[in-house]
Amino acid sequence: QVQLVESGGGLVQAGGSLRLSCAASGRTFSSYAMGWFRQAPEKEREFVSAISWSGTSTYYADSVKGRFTISRDNAKNTVYLQMNSLKPQDTAVYYCAADSSYSAMVAGRARYWGKGTLVTVSS
């Protein structure tokens, strides 16, 4: 069982930056692939980024590539999402996710989910 708690959301102007954090419980954090997803108002949830258990592999949605960076600190049981050059269309609730399979995460599937943190980008 993995419990995930996101933090770091808030209101930022277009062009600004935010860093989201996701703290995970459990001793096996380092064995899980981690990911970030988002859901904008009246839209379906979409994949944002994934990172393998070791951190050596990362993957991004085209919409955030070059602007967002995913990273993890296995010693702190935490995964991060650094978001730069934010745009109003990045406004969404951002969810952290965990799964034993990196390929599943990249495909948009995950077993464990956080409750989300709201990011609002004003124009």
C-alpha atoms as a PDB file:
ATOM      1  CA  GLN A   1       0.000   0.000   0.000  1.00  0.00           C
ATOM      2  CA  VAL A   2       1.278   3.449  -0.948  1.00  0.00           C
ATOM      3  CA  GLN A   3      -0.242   6.718   0.213  1.00  0.00           C
ATOM      4  CA  LEU A   4       0.536   9.867  -1.724  1.00  0.00           C
ATOM      5  CA  VAL A   5       0.165  13.484  -0.614  1.00  0.00           C
ATOM      6  CA  GLU A   6       0.737  16.338  -3.050  1.00  0.00           C
ATOM      7  CA  SER A   7       1.717  19.886  -2.151  1.00  0.00           C
ATOM      8  CA  GLY A   8       3.003  23.029  -3.798  1.00  0.00           C
ATOM      9  CA  GLY A   9       0.034  24.075  -5.869  1.00  0.00           C
ATOM     10  CA  GLY A  10      -1.196  27.640  -5.963  1.00  0.00           C
ATOM     11  CA  LEU A  11      -1.844  30.697  -8.072  1.00  0.00           C
ATOM     12  CA  VAL A  12       0.889  31.936 -10.397  1.00  0.00           C
ATOM     13  CA  GLN A  13       1.041  34.353 -13.323  1.00  0.00           C
ATOM     14  CA  ALA A  14       1.690  33.143 -16.821  1.00  0.00           C
ATOM     15  CA  GLY A  15       5.408  32.696 -17.386  1.00  0.00           C
ATOM     16  CA  GLY A  16       6.001  31.882 -13.749  1.00  0.00           C
ATOM     17  CA  SER A  17       7.156  28.708 -12.025  1.00  0.00           C
ATOM     18  CA  LEU A  18       5.949  26.283  -9.387  1.00  0.00           C
ATOM     19  CA  ARG A  19       7.370  23.124  -7.909  1.00  0.00           C
ATOM     20  CA  LEU A  20       5.006  20.387  -6.884  1.00  0.00           C
ATOM     21  CA  SER A  21       5.984  17.763  -4.357  1.00  0.00           C
ATOM     22  CA  CYS A  22       4.506  14.368  -3.650  1.00  0.00           C
ATOM     23  CA  ALA A  23       5.356  12.646  -0.402  1.00  0.00           C
ATOM     24  CA  ALA A  24       4.857   8.899  -0.360  1.00  0.00           C
ATOM     25  CA  SER A  25       4.425   6.590   2.569  1.00  0.00           C
ATOM     26  CA  GLY A  26       5.740   3.065   2.671  1.00  0.00           C
ATOM     27  CA  ARG A  27       9.140   1.466   2.698  1.00  0.00           C
ATOM     28  CA  THR A  28       9.012   0.400  -0.934  1.00  0.00           C
ATOM     29  CA  PHE A  29       8.817   3.844  -2.527  1.00  0.00           C
ATOM     30  CA  SER A  30      12.075   3.290  -4.374  1.00  0.00           C
ATOM     31  CA  SER A  31      10.593   0.299  -6.189  1.00  0.00           C
ATOM     32  CA  TYR A  32       7.728   2.260  -7.745  1.00  0.00           C
ATOM     33  CA  ALA A  33       7.556   4.251 -10.904  1.00  0.00           C
ATOM     34  CA  MET A  34       6.028   7.650 -10.180  1.00  0.00           C
ATOM     35  CA  GLY A  35       4.037  10.001 -12.308  1.00  0.00           C
ATOM     36  CA  TRP A  36       2.063  13.205 -12.515  1.00  0.00           C
ATOM     37  CA  PHE A  37      -1.307  13.636 -14.146  1.00  0.00           C
ATOM     38  CA  ARG A  38      -3.642  16.612 -14.352  1.00  0.00           C
ATOM     39  CA  GLN A  39      -7.294  17.329 -14.845  1.00  0.00           C
ATOM     40  CA  ALA A  40      -8.541  20.683 -16.045  1.00  0.00           C
ATOM     41  CA  PRO A  41     -12.123  21.821 -15.453  1.00  0.00           C
ATOM     42  CA  GLU A  42     -14.575  19.899 -17.619  1.00  0.00           C
ATOM     43  CA  LYS A  43     -11.783  17.856 -19.181  1.00  0.00           C
ATOM     44  CA  GLU A  44     -10.568  14.327 -18.750  1.00  0.00           C
ATOM     45  CA  ARG A  45      -7.501  13.534 -16.701  1.00  0.00           C
ATOM     46  CA  GLU A  46      -4.331  13.504 -18.783  1.00  0.00           C
ATOM     47  CA  PHE A  47      -0.819  12.202 -18.376  1.00  0.00           C
ATOM     48  CA  VAL A  48       1.893  14.781 -17.666  1.00  0.00           C
ATOM     49  CA  SER A  49       5.118  12.997 -16.790  1.00  0.00           C
ATOM     50  CA  ALA A  50       6.611   9.765 -15.435  1.00  0.00           C
ATOM     51  CA  ILE A  51       9.869   8.698 -13.840  1.00  0.00           C
ATOM     52  CA  SER A  52      11.251   5.217 -13.343  1.00  0.00           C
ATOM     53  CA  TRP A  53      12.031   3.808  -9.907  1.00  0.00           C
ATOM     54  CA  SER A  54      15.722   4.650 -10.283  1.00  0.00           C
ATOM     55  CA  GLY A  55      15.135   8.052 -11.816  1.00  0.00           C
ATOM     56  CA  THR A  56      17.159   7.202 -14.889  1.00  0.00           C
ATOM     57  CA  SER A  57      14.167   7.203 -17.237  1.00  0.00           C
ATOM     58  CA  THR A  58      11.704  10.036 -17.634  1.00  0.00           C
ATOM     59  CA  TYR A  59       8.867  10.728 -20.047  1.00  0.00           C
ATOM     60  CA  TYR A  60       6.780  13.808 -20.751  1.00  0.00           C
ATOM     61  CA  ALA A  61       3.609  14.714 -22.539  1.00  0.00           C
ATOM     62  CA  ASP A  62       4.309  16.849 -25.595  1.00  0.00           C
ATOM     63  CA  SER A  63       2.376  19.719 -24.047  1.00  0.00           C
ATOM     64  CA  VAL A  64       4.870  20.104 -21.184  1.00  0.00           C
ATOM     65  CA  LYS A  65       8.102  18.893 -22.765  1.00  0.00           C
ATOM     66  CA  GLY A  66      10.887  21.409 -22.295  1.00  0.00           C
ATOM     67  CA  ARG A  67       8.976  23.288 -19.582  1.00  0.00           C
ATOM     68  CA  PHE A  68       8.388  20.676 -16.856  1.00  0.00           C
ATOM     69  CA  THR A  69      10.956  18.472 -15.128  1.00  0.00           C
ATOM     70  CA  ILE A  70      10.179  15.420 -13.027  1.00  0.00           C
ATOM     71  CA  SER A  71      12.625  14.175 -10.415  1.00  0.00           C
ATOM     72  CA  ARG A  72      12.663  12.017  -7.307  1.00  0.00           C
ATOM     73  CA  ASP A  73      14.541  11.652  -4.068  1.00  0.00           C
ATOM     74  CA  ASN A  74      14.214   8.065  -2.893  1.00  0.00           C
ATOM     75  CA  ALA A  75      15.863   8.889   0.419  1.00  0.00           C
ATOM     76  CA  LYS A  76      13.018  11.319   1.122  1.00  0.00           C
ATOM     77  CA  ASN A  77      10.238   9.249  -0.469  1.00  0.00           C
ATOM     78  CA  THR A  78       9.381  12.271  -2.572  1.00  0.00           C
ATOM     79  CA  VAL A  79       8.799  13.001  -6.235  1.00  0.00           C
ATOM     80  CA  TYR A  80       8.833  16.511  -7.663  1.00  0.00           C
ATOM     81  CA  LEU A  81       7.476  18.320 -10.681  1.00  0.00           C
ATOM     82  CA  GLN A  82       9.267  21.544 -11.529  1.00  0.00           C
ATOM     83  CA  MET A  83       7.000  23.610 -13.762  1.00  0.00           C
ATOM     84  CA  ASN A  84       8.465  26.566 -15.640  1.00  0.00           C
ATOM     85  CA  SER A  85       7.062  28.939 -18.251  1.00  0.00           C
ATOM     86  CA  LEU A  86       3.576  28.187 -17.043  1.00  0.00           C
ATOM     87  CA  LYS A  87       0.640  28.908 -19.311  1.00  0.00           C
ATOM     88  CA  PRO A  88      -3.043  29.454 -18.512  1.00  0.00           C
ATOM     89  CA  GLN A  89      -3.777  26.108 -20.178  1.00  0.00           C
ATOM     90  CA  ASP A  90      -1.671  24.415 -17.479  1.00  0.00           C
ATOM     91  CA  THR A  91      -4.411  25.271 -14.981  1.00  0.00           C
ATOM     92  CA  ALA A  92      -5.611  21.993 -13.480  1.00  0.00           C
ATOM     93  CA  VAL A  93      -5.652  19.769 -10.449  1.00  0.00           C
ATOM     94  CA  TYR A  94      -2.361  17.887 -10.487  1.00  0.00           C
ATOM     95  CA  TYR A  95      -2.296  14.315  -9.212  1.00  0.00           C
ATOM     96  CA  CYS A  96       0.645  12.225  -8.135  1.00  0.00           C
ATOM     97  CA  ALA A  97       0.546   8.528  -8.978  1.00  0.00           C
ATOM     98  CA  ALA A  98       2.542   5.396  -8.277  1.00  0.00           C
ATOM     99  CA  ASP A  99       2.736   2.033  -9.976  1.00  0.00           C
ATOM    100  CA  SER A 100       5.108  -0.887  -9.988  1.00  0.00           C
ATOM    101  CA  SER A 101       5.316  -0.660 -13.782  1.00  0.00           C
ATOM    102  CA  TYR A 102       7.002   2.269 -15.529  1.00  0.00           C
ATOM    103  CA  SER A 103       5.512   1.268 -18.864  1.00  0.00           C
ATOM    104  CA  ALA A 104       2.031   1.277 -17.350  1.00  0.00           C
ATOM    105  CA  MET A 105       2.648   4.754 -15.949  1.00  0.00           C
ATOM    106  CA  VAL A 106       3.779   6.013 -19.347  1.00  0.00           C
ATOM    107  CA  ALA A 107       0.639   4.488 -20.826  1.00  0.00           C
ATOM    108  CA  GLY A 108      -1.447   6.481 -18.351  1.00  0.00           C
ATOM    109  CA  ARG A 109      -2.269   3.791 -15.815  1.00  0.00           C
ATOM    110  CA  ALA A 110      -1.424   3.772 -12.128  1.00  0.00           C
ATOM    111  CA  ARG A 111      -2.472   1.804  -9.089  1.00  0.00           C
ATOM    112  CA  TYR A 112      -2.098   4.465  -6.426  1.00  0.00           C
ATOM    113  CA  TRP A 113      -3.257   8.075  -6.534  1.00  0.00           C
ATOM    114  CA  GLY A 114      -3.009  11.169  -4.417  1.00  0.00           C
ATOM    115  CA  LYS A 115      -5.887  13.565  -3.867  1.00  0.00           C
ATOM    116  CA  GLY A 116      -4.400  16.309  -5.978  1.00  0.00           C
ATOM    117  CA  THR A 117      -3.212  19.882  -5.670  1.00  0.00           C
ATOM    118  CA  LEU A 118      -4.679  22.802  -7.616  1.00  0.00           C
ATOM    119  CA  VAL A 119      -2.513  24.868  -9.933  1.00  0.00           C
ATOM    120  CA  THR A 120      -4.019  28.057 -11.336  1.00  0.00           C
ATOM    121  CA  VAL A 121      -2.151  30.080 -13.942  1.00  0.00           C
ATOM    122  CA  SER A 122      -3.490  33.557 -14.583  1.00  0.00           C
ATOM    123  CA  SER A 123      -3.015  35.394 -17.860  1.00  0.00           C
END
